């Protein structure tokens, strides 16, 4: 895998894991503050989502939630956009394999 693609993938996987822990310990039903799962290691911007919205993203191991504008168009495709977040899906190939291998729900 190209070093840049690997670095982006690992960062996305790290923040997905953090968000999974946030989801695990959340006991209330209102909006939850998750973290942007983009490939920028310096980004930790919050994203407000309902549990249902977050669970919808997590049904597909190739998908990540990012702040609008944080998508990496050569590695992923935007599959949903709201005023609060964007859902991206990894392109076929090695980036997808890394996303699936690092899925904490697998």
N, C-alpha and C. Protein backbone atom coordinates (compact mmCIF):
# COMPACT_ATOMS: atom_id res chain seq x y z
N UNK A 1 0.84 -1.17 0.00
CA UNK A 1 0.00 0.00 0.00
C UNK A 1 0.89 1.24 0.00
N UNK A 2 0.47 2.24 -0.71
CA UNK A 2 1.17 3.51 -0.76
C UNK A 2 1.26 4.08 0.66
N UNK A 3 2.42 4.63 1.06
CA UNK A 3 2.58 5.13 2.44
C UNK A 3 1.51 6.15 2.86
N UNK A 4 1.16 7.06 1.96
CA UNK A 4 0.14 8.05 2.29
C UNK A 4 -1.21 7.39 2.55
N UNK A 5 -1.61 6.48 1.70
CA UNK A 5 -2.89 5.78 1.86
C UNK A 5 -2.89 4.99 3.16
N UNK A 6 -1.78 4.38 3.49
CA UNK A 6 -1.69 3.62 4.74
C UNK A 6 -1.79 4.55 5.95
N UNK A 7 -1.12 5.68 5.91
CA UNK A 7 -1.16 6.64 7.00
C UNK A 7 -2.58 7.17 7.21
N UNK A 8 -3.24 7.53 6.11
CA UNK A 8 -4.62 8.01 6.18
C UNK A 8 -5.52 6.92 6.76
N UNK A 9 -5.38 5.70 6.26
CA UNK A 9 -6.20 4.59 6.73
C UNK A 9 -6.01 4.29 8.20
N UNK A 10 -4.78 4.32 8.65
CA UNK A 10 -4.51 4.06 10.07
C UNK A 10 -5.09 5.15 10.96
N UNK A 11 -5.02 6.41 10.52
CA UNK A 11 -5.59 7.50 11.30
C UNK A 11 -7.11 7.37 11.37
N UNK A 12 -7.74 7.05 10.25
CA UNK A 12 -9.18 6.86 10.23
C UNK A 12 -9.59 5.72 11.17
N UNK A 13 -8.84 4.64 11.13
CA UNK A 13 -9.14 3.49 11.98
C UNK A 13 -8.99 3.85 13.46
N UNK A 14 -7.99 4.65 13.80
CA UNK A 14 -7.78 5.08 15.18
C UNK A 14 -8.99 5.86 15.69
N UNK A 15 -9.44 6.85 14.91
CA UNK A 15 -10.57 7.66 15.36
C UNK A 15 -11.87 6.86 15.35
N UNK A 16 -12.00 5.89 14.45
CA UNK A 16 -13.18 5.02 14.49
C UNK A 16 -13.19 4.24 15.81
N UNK A 17 -12.03 3.76 16.23
CA UNK A 17 -11.92 3.03 17.49
C UNK A 17 -12.28 3.93 18.67
N UNK A 18 -11.81 5.17 18.66
CA UNK A 18 -12.15 6.13 19.72
C UNK A 18 -13.67 6.34 19.74
N UNK A 19 -14.27 6.52 18.58
CA UNK A 19 -15.71 6.72 18.52
C UNK A 19 -16.49 5.50 19.00
N UNK A 20 -15.96 4.33 18.75
CA UNK A 20 -16.61 3.11 19.25
C UNK A 20 -16.61 3.12 20.79
N UNK A 21 -15.52 3.56 21.40
CA UNK A 21 -15.46 3.64 22.85
C UNK A 21 -16.44 4.70 23.37
N UNK A 22 -16.53 5.84 22.67
CA UNK A 22 -17.49 6.88 23.06
C UNK A 22 -18.90 6.29 23.01
N UNK A 23 -19.20 5.56 21.95
CA UNK A 23 -20.53 4.95 21.81
C UNK A 23 -20.79 3.94 22.93
N UNK A 24 -19.79 3.16 23.29
CA UNK A 24 -19.93 2.15 24.34
C UNK A 24 -20.31 2.74 25.69
N UNK A 25 -19.72 3.88 26.03
CA UNK A 25 -19.93 4.44 27.37
C UNK A 25 -21.09 5.44 27.42
N UNK A 26 -21.69 5.75 26.28
CA UNK A 26 -22.78 6.72 26.26
C UNK A 26 -24.08 6.05 26.70
N UNK A 27 -24.72 6.65 27.69
CA UNK A 27 -25.95 6.05 28.24
C UNK A 27 -27.18 6.93 28.02
N UNK A 28 -27.04 8.02 27.32
CA UNK A 28 -28.18 8.91 27.08
C UNK A 28 -28.56 8.87 25.60
N UNK A 29 -29.76 9.38 25.30
CA UNK A 29 -30.31 9.27 23.95
C UNK A 29 -30.17 10.53 23.10
N UNK A 30 -29.68 11.62 23.63
CA UNK A 30 -29.55 12.84 22.84
C UNK A 30 -28.31 12.76 21.94
N UNK A 31 -28.06 13.83 21.20
CA UNK A 31 -26.90 13.85 20.31
C UNK A 31 -25.62 13.58 21.09
N UNK A 32 -24.71 12.89 20.42
CA UNK A 32 -23.43 12.53 21.01
C UNK A 32 -22.34 13.25 20.23
N UNK A 33 -21.30 13.68 20.91
CA UNK A 33 -20.18 14.33 20.26
C UNK A 33 -19.13 13.27 19.92
N UNK A 34 -19.09 12.89 18.64
CA UNK A 34 -18.08 11.96 18.14
C UNK A 34 -16.93 12.79 17.57
N UNK A 35 -15.86 12.12 17.17
CA UNK A 35 -14.71 12.80 16.57
C UNK A 35 -14.66 12.53 15.07
N UNK A 36 -14.19 13.51 14.34
CA UNK A 36 -13.99 13.36 12.90
C UNK A 36 -13.03 12.20 12.65
N UNK A 37 -13.40 11.31 11.74
CA UNK A 37 -12.58 10.14 11.43
C UNK A 37 -11.78 10.33 10.14
N UNK A 38 -11.42 11.58 9.84
CA UNK A 38 -10.67 11.85 8.62
C UNK A 38 -9.22 11.38 8.73
N UNK A 39 -8.51 11.47 7.65
CA UNK A 39 -7.14 11.00 7.61
C UNK A 39 -6.10 11.99 8.12
N UNK A 40 -6.52 13.16 8.56
CA UNK A 40 -5.60 14.18 9.05
C UNK A 40 -5.26 13.89 10.52
N UNK A 41 -4.01 13.55 10.83
CA UNK A 41 -3.66 13.21 12.21
C UNK A 41 -3.80 14.38 13.18
N UNK A 42 -3.87 15.60 12.69
CA UNK A 42 -4.02 16.76 13.55
C UNK A 42 -5.47 17.15 13.80
N UNK A 43 -6.41 16.44 13.18
CA UNK A 43 -7.82 16.78 13.32
C UNK A 43 -8.45 15.99 14.46
N UNK A 44 -9.20 16.68 15.28
CA UNK A 44 -9.99 16.03 16.32
C UNK A 44 -11.29 16.82 16.47
N UNK A 45 -11.81 17.30 15.33
CA UNK A 45 -13.02 18.13 15.37
C UNK A 45 -14.22 17.29 15.76
N UNK A 46 -15.10 17.86 16.57
CA UNK A 46 -16.29 17.12 17.01
C UNK A 46 -17.37 17.10 15.93
N UNK A 47 -18.17 16.04 15.96
CA UNK A 47 -19.32 15.89 15.08
C UNK A 47 -20.50 15.45 15.95
N UNK A 48 -21.57 16.23 15.95
CA UNK A 48 -22.77 15.83 16.69
C UNK A 48 -23.60 14.89 15.84
N UNK A 49 -23.91 13.73 16.41
CA UNK A 49 -24.71 12.72 15.72
C UNK A 49 -25.63 12.04 16.72
N UNK A 50 -26.75 11.55 16.22
CA UNK A 50 -27.59 10.71 17.06
C UNK A 50 -26.99 9.30 17.06
N UNK A 51 -27.41 8.49 18.01
CA UNK A 51 -26.95 7.11 18.04
C UNK A 51 -27.36 6.40 16.75
N UNK A 52 -28.58 6.66 16.28
CA UNK A 52 -29.06 6.04 15.04
C UNK A 52 -28.20 6.40 13.84
N UNK A 53 -27.83 7.67 13.72
CA UNK A 53 -26.97 8.10 12.62
C UNK A 53 -25.63 7.40 12.69
N UNK A 54 -25.06 7.34 13.89
CA UNK A 54 -23.76 6.68 14.06
C UNK A 54 -23.86 5.20 13.71
N UNK A 55 -24.90 4.55 14.20
CA UNK A 55 -25.08 3.12 13.93
C UNK A 55 -25.26 2.86 12.43
N UNK A 56 -25.93 3.76 11.72
CA UNK A 56 -26.08 3.61 10.27
C UNK A 56 -24.72 3.59 9.57
N UNK A 57 -23.82 4.46 10.00
CA UNK A 57 -22.48 4.49 9.41
C UNK A 57 -21.74 3.20 9.72
N UNK A 58 -21.86 2.72 10.94
CA UNK A 58 -21.13 1.53 11.38
C UNK A 58 -21.62 0.22 10.76
N UNK A 59 -22.74 0.24 10.02
CA UNK A 59 -23.21 -0.99 9.38
C UNK A 59 -22.31 -1.42 8.22
N UNK A 60 -21.41 -0.54 7.81
CA UNK A 60 -20.52 -0.84 6.69
C UNK A 60 -19.09 -0.52 7.12
N UNK A 61 -18.24 -1.53 7.21
CA UNK A 61 -16.87 -1.35 7.69
C UNK A 61 -16.03 -0.44 6.81
N UNK A 62 -16.46 -0.20 5.58
CA UNK A 62 -15.71 0.65 4.65
C UNK A 62 -16.07 2.12 4.80
N UNK A 63 -16.99 2.44 5.71
CA UNK A 63 -17.47 3.82 5.85
C UNK A 63 -16.95 4.50 7.10
N UNK A 64 -16.73 5.81 6.96
CA UNK A 64 -16.23 6.65 8.04
C UNK A 64 -17.02 7.95 8.04
N UNK A 65 -17.12 8.58 9.20
CA UNK A 65 -17.81 9.86 9.33
C UNK A 65 -16.76 10.96 9.50
N UNK A 66 -16.91 12.03 8.71
CA UNK A 66 -15.94 13.13 8.74
C UNK A 66 -16.68 14.47 8.74
N UNK A 67 -15.97 15.49 9.15
CA UNK A 67 -16.47 16.85 9.05
C UNK A 67 -16.57 17.19 7.56
N UNK A 68 -17.64 17.87 7.12
CA UNK A 68 -17.72 18.25 5.71
C UNK A 68 -16.44 18.96 5.24
N UNK A 69 -15.93 18.52 4.11
CA UNK A 69 -14.70 19.07 3.55
C UNK A 69 -13.46 18.28 3.92
N UNK A 70 -13.57 17.30 4.80
CA UNK A 70 -12.42 16.51 5.23
C UNK A 70 -12.26 15.20 4.46
N UNK A 71 -13.05 15.01 3.43
CA UNK A 71 -12.92 13.79 2.64
C UNK A 71 -11.64 13.82 1.80
N UNK A 72 -11.12 12.64 1.50
CA UNK A 72 -9.90 12.50 0.69
C UNK A 72 -10.34 11.85 -0.62
N UNK A 73 -10.61 12.67 -1.63
CA UNK A 73 -11.30 12.21 -2.83
C UNK A 73 -10.55 11.14 -3.63
N UNK A 74 -9.24 11.06 -3.51
CA UNK A 74 -8.53 10.02 -4.26
C UNK A 74 -8.55 8.68 -3.54
N UNK A 75 -9.01 8.63 -2.28
CA UNK A 75 -9.05 7.39 -1.50
C UNK A 75 -10.46 6.97 -1.10
N UNK A 76 -11.43 7.89 -1.21
CA UNK A 76 -12.78 7.59 -0.75
C UNK A 76 -13.81 8.38 -1.53
N UNK A 77 -15.06 7.93 -1.44
CA UNK A 77 -16.18 8.55 -2.12
C UNK A 77 -17.20 9.01 -1.09
N UNK A 78 -17.75 10.20 -1.29
CA UNK A 78 -18.81 10.69 -0.41
C UNK A 78 -20.09 9.92 -0.74
N UNK A 79 -20.70 9.32 0.31
CA UNK A 79 -21.94 8.58 0.11
C UNK A 79 -23.13 9.24 0.79
N UNK A 80 -22.87 10.20 1.69
CA UNK A 80 -23.94 10.93 2.36
C UNK A 80 -23.38 12.24 2.88
N UNK A 81 -24.18 13.29 2.78
CA UNK A 81 -23.78 14.59 3.32
C UNK A 81 -24.95 15.20 4.07
N UNK A 82 -24.67 15.69 5.27
CA UNK A 82 -25.65 16.45 6.03
C UNK A 82 -25.01 17.79 6.38
N UNK A 83 -25.73 18.63 7.09
CA UNK A 83 -25.14 19.90 7.49
C UNK A 83 -24.14 19.72 8.63
N UNK A 84 -24.13 18.54 9.28
CA UNK A 84 -23.23 18.29 10.42
C UNK A 84 -22.08 17.34 10.11
N UNK A 85 -22.27 16.44 9.15
CA UNK A 85 -21.23 15.45 8.86
C UNK A 85 -21.35 14.93 7.44
N UNK A 86 -20.27 14.28 7.00
CA UNK A 86 -20.21 13.61 5.71
C UNK A 86 -19.80 12.16 5.96
N UNK A 87 -20.43 11.25 5.24
CA UNK A 87 -20.06 9.84 5.33
C UNK A 87 -19.29 9.51 4.06
N UNK A 88 -18.11 8.92 4.22
CA UNK A 88 -17.28 8.53 3.08
C UNK A 88 -17.10 7.02 3.09
N UNK A 89 -16.89 6.49 1.90
CA UNK A 89 -16.62 5.05 1.76
C UNK A 89 -15.31 4.87 1.02
N UNK A 90 -14.47 4.01 1.55
CA UNK A 90 -13.15 3.77 0.96
C UNK A 90 -13.30 3.18 -0.44
N UNK A 91 -12.42 3.58 -1.34
CA UNK A 91 -12.39 3.01 -2.69
C UNK A 91 -11.98 1.55 -2.64
N UNK A 92 -12.39 0.76 -3.62
CA UNK A 92 -11.97 -0.66 -3.66
C UNK A 92 -10.45 -0.79 -3.69
N UNK A 93 -9.98 -1.89 -3.15
CA UNK A 93 -8.54 -2.16 -3.13
C UNK A 93 -8.00 -2.16 -1.72
N UNK A 94 -6.74 -1.87 -1.61
CA UNK A 94 -6.05 -1.96 -0.33
C UNK A 94 -6.63 -1.04 0.74
N UNK A 95 -7.01 0.22 0.45
CA UNK A 95 -7.61 1.03 1.51
C UNK A 95 -8.86 0.38 2.10
N UNK A 96 -9.65 -0.25 1.26
CA UNK A 96 -10.85 -0.94 1.75
C UNK A 96 -10.45 -2.11 2.64
N UNK A 97 -9.44 -2.86 2.22
CA UNK A 97 -8.99 -4.00 3.02
C UNK A 97 -8.53 -3.55 4.40
N UNK A 98 -7.81 -2.44 4.48
CA UNK A 98 -7.35 -1.92 5.77
C UNK A 98 -8.55 -1.50 6.63
N UNK A 99 -9.54 -0.84 6.02
CA UNK A 99 -10.73 -0.44 6.76
C UNK A 99 -11.46 -1.62 7.33
N UNK A 100 -11.59 -2.68 6.55
CA UNK A 100 -12.29 -3.88 7.01
C UNK A 100 -11.48 -4.60 8.09
N UNK A 101 -10.18 -4.71 7.90
CA UNK A 101 -9.31 -5.40 8.88
C UNK A 101 -9.30 -4.71 10.23
N UNK A 102 -9.46 -3.39 10.25
CA UNK A 102 -9.38 -2.64 11.50
C UNK A 102 -10.75 -2.35 12.10
N UNK A 103 -11.81 -2.90 11.51
CA UNK A 103 -13.15 -2.67 12.01
C UNK A 103 -13.34 -3.32 13.38
N UNK A 104 -13.58 -2.52 14.43
CA UNK A 104 -13.72 -3.10 15.76
C UNK A 104 -14.96 -3.98 15.92
N UNK A 105 -15.89 -3.89 14.99
CA UNK A 105 -17.11 -4.70 15.06
C UNK A 105 -17.01 -6.00 14.28
N UNK A 106 -15.88 -6.20 13.62
CA UNK A 106 -15.72 -7.42 12.80
C UNK A 106 -15.42 -8.63 13.65
